[in-house]
Amino acid sequence: MSEISLWKEQYKIGNEEIDSQHEELFRKIENLVSIARSGDFDNKKKECYKLIDFLVEYTGMHFEAEERIQREMQYVGYEQHVWVHREFTKTVLDYKEKLEQDFSLRTLKSFLGTLLTWLAVHVCGCDRKIMENIPLDDHSGLADAAGEIDAVITQFLKESYGFQVQNVKSCVYKGFVEGKLFIRTLVKGKEEYLFLYGLSEDIARKLYSSISNMQIADIQALDEMESSALSEIANIISTQIIGSLSKELITNYQYEDTIFFGQYTDETYHLRDGIVITIETEYGNMEVLYCKLK
């Protein structure tokens, strides 16, 4: 019996087949999380392998079923949705390969953080749109970068977490970003972007607990699952922002993440032309530095 509960009624999208499959995925992830937290990881490797193999196979089956339903109802966002599925399938297979090479608690937690965050965000932000026949990207009408970023993050926080944004401010980067924890995401294609997410302690804790029903023990010493989950949130937001700002195919980009605690002090990149958007919520602030490097 799993000691935690990741499935939520709010994840239901209104299609019995899809909802049942989503719930099964969350239940299996619960089992893996319980093993990772049990302190008896070494004696449960065989069980872990079976669960991971099941998740890989079941995720593929679920994506096929979801895409079939979309074709049957002539869902307007079908091609976008298929691409999202294919990209995440690559991520799952990459992690499976990593686990086959290094079946460690560290790698397992990193896999779980990414998997859980992606699934929760995908269900809330993408799958809910299927039954209402809403396309996945709807930010093309906005005028400037600050407005695009504001709209993307506001919608993401509302759809994925139910956060209400209370106020948004933007300014030219003045040499610092406020926050307790920082996630720097480099996005490299023909064009290159840098995003720096400054999170207050409250919002970092709330983002993590909202998807995992678990608490961050020490904001200054995240474990692999916590780091992976928060980095995946930053990657998802960055992908959505670039999709609204750039004409280059998202599939061309590669991502690199680094987490900093307490203060962001890295001076590797010259960020003089960046803009900072401050998102104020009831759970604290998120500041986002956006800079196009080339």
Foldseek 3Di string as FASTA:
>chain_A
DQPDQQDDPVLDQPDVVLNVLLRVLRVLLSVLVRCLPVVCVVVCVVVVVVSLVCNLVSLVVSLVVLLVVLVVVVQPASVVSVVVSVVVNVVSVVLVVVCVVPVDSQSSLLSSLLVLLCSLLCSQQPVSCSVVSDHNADQQVDDDLLVLLVVLVQSSCCRRPVWHWDDKDKDFDDPFDDAFKWKWKWKDFVWIKIKIKHYHPQVLQSQVCRRGVDGQPDPQDGGSNSVSNVNSVVVVSVLNSCVNVDPDDSVRIDMDMDMDGRGDDDPPADARGWMWMWTQTPRGIMIMIMGTRD
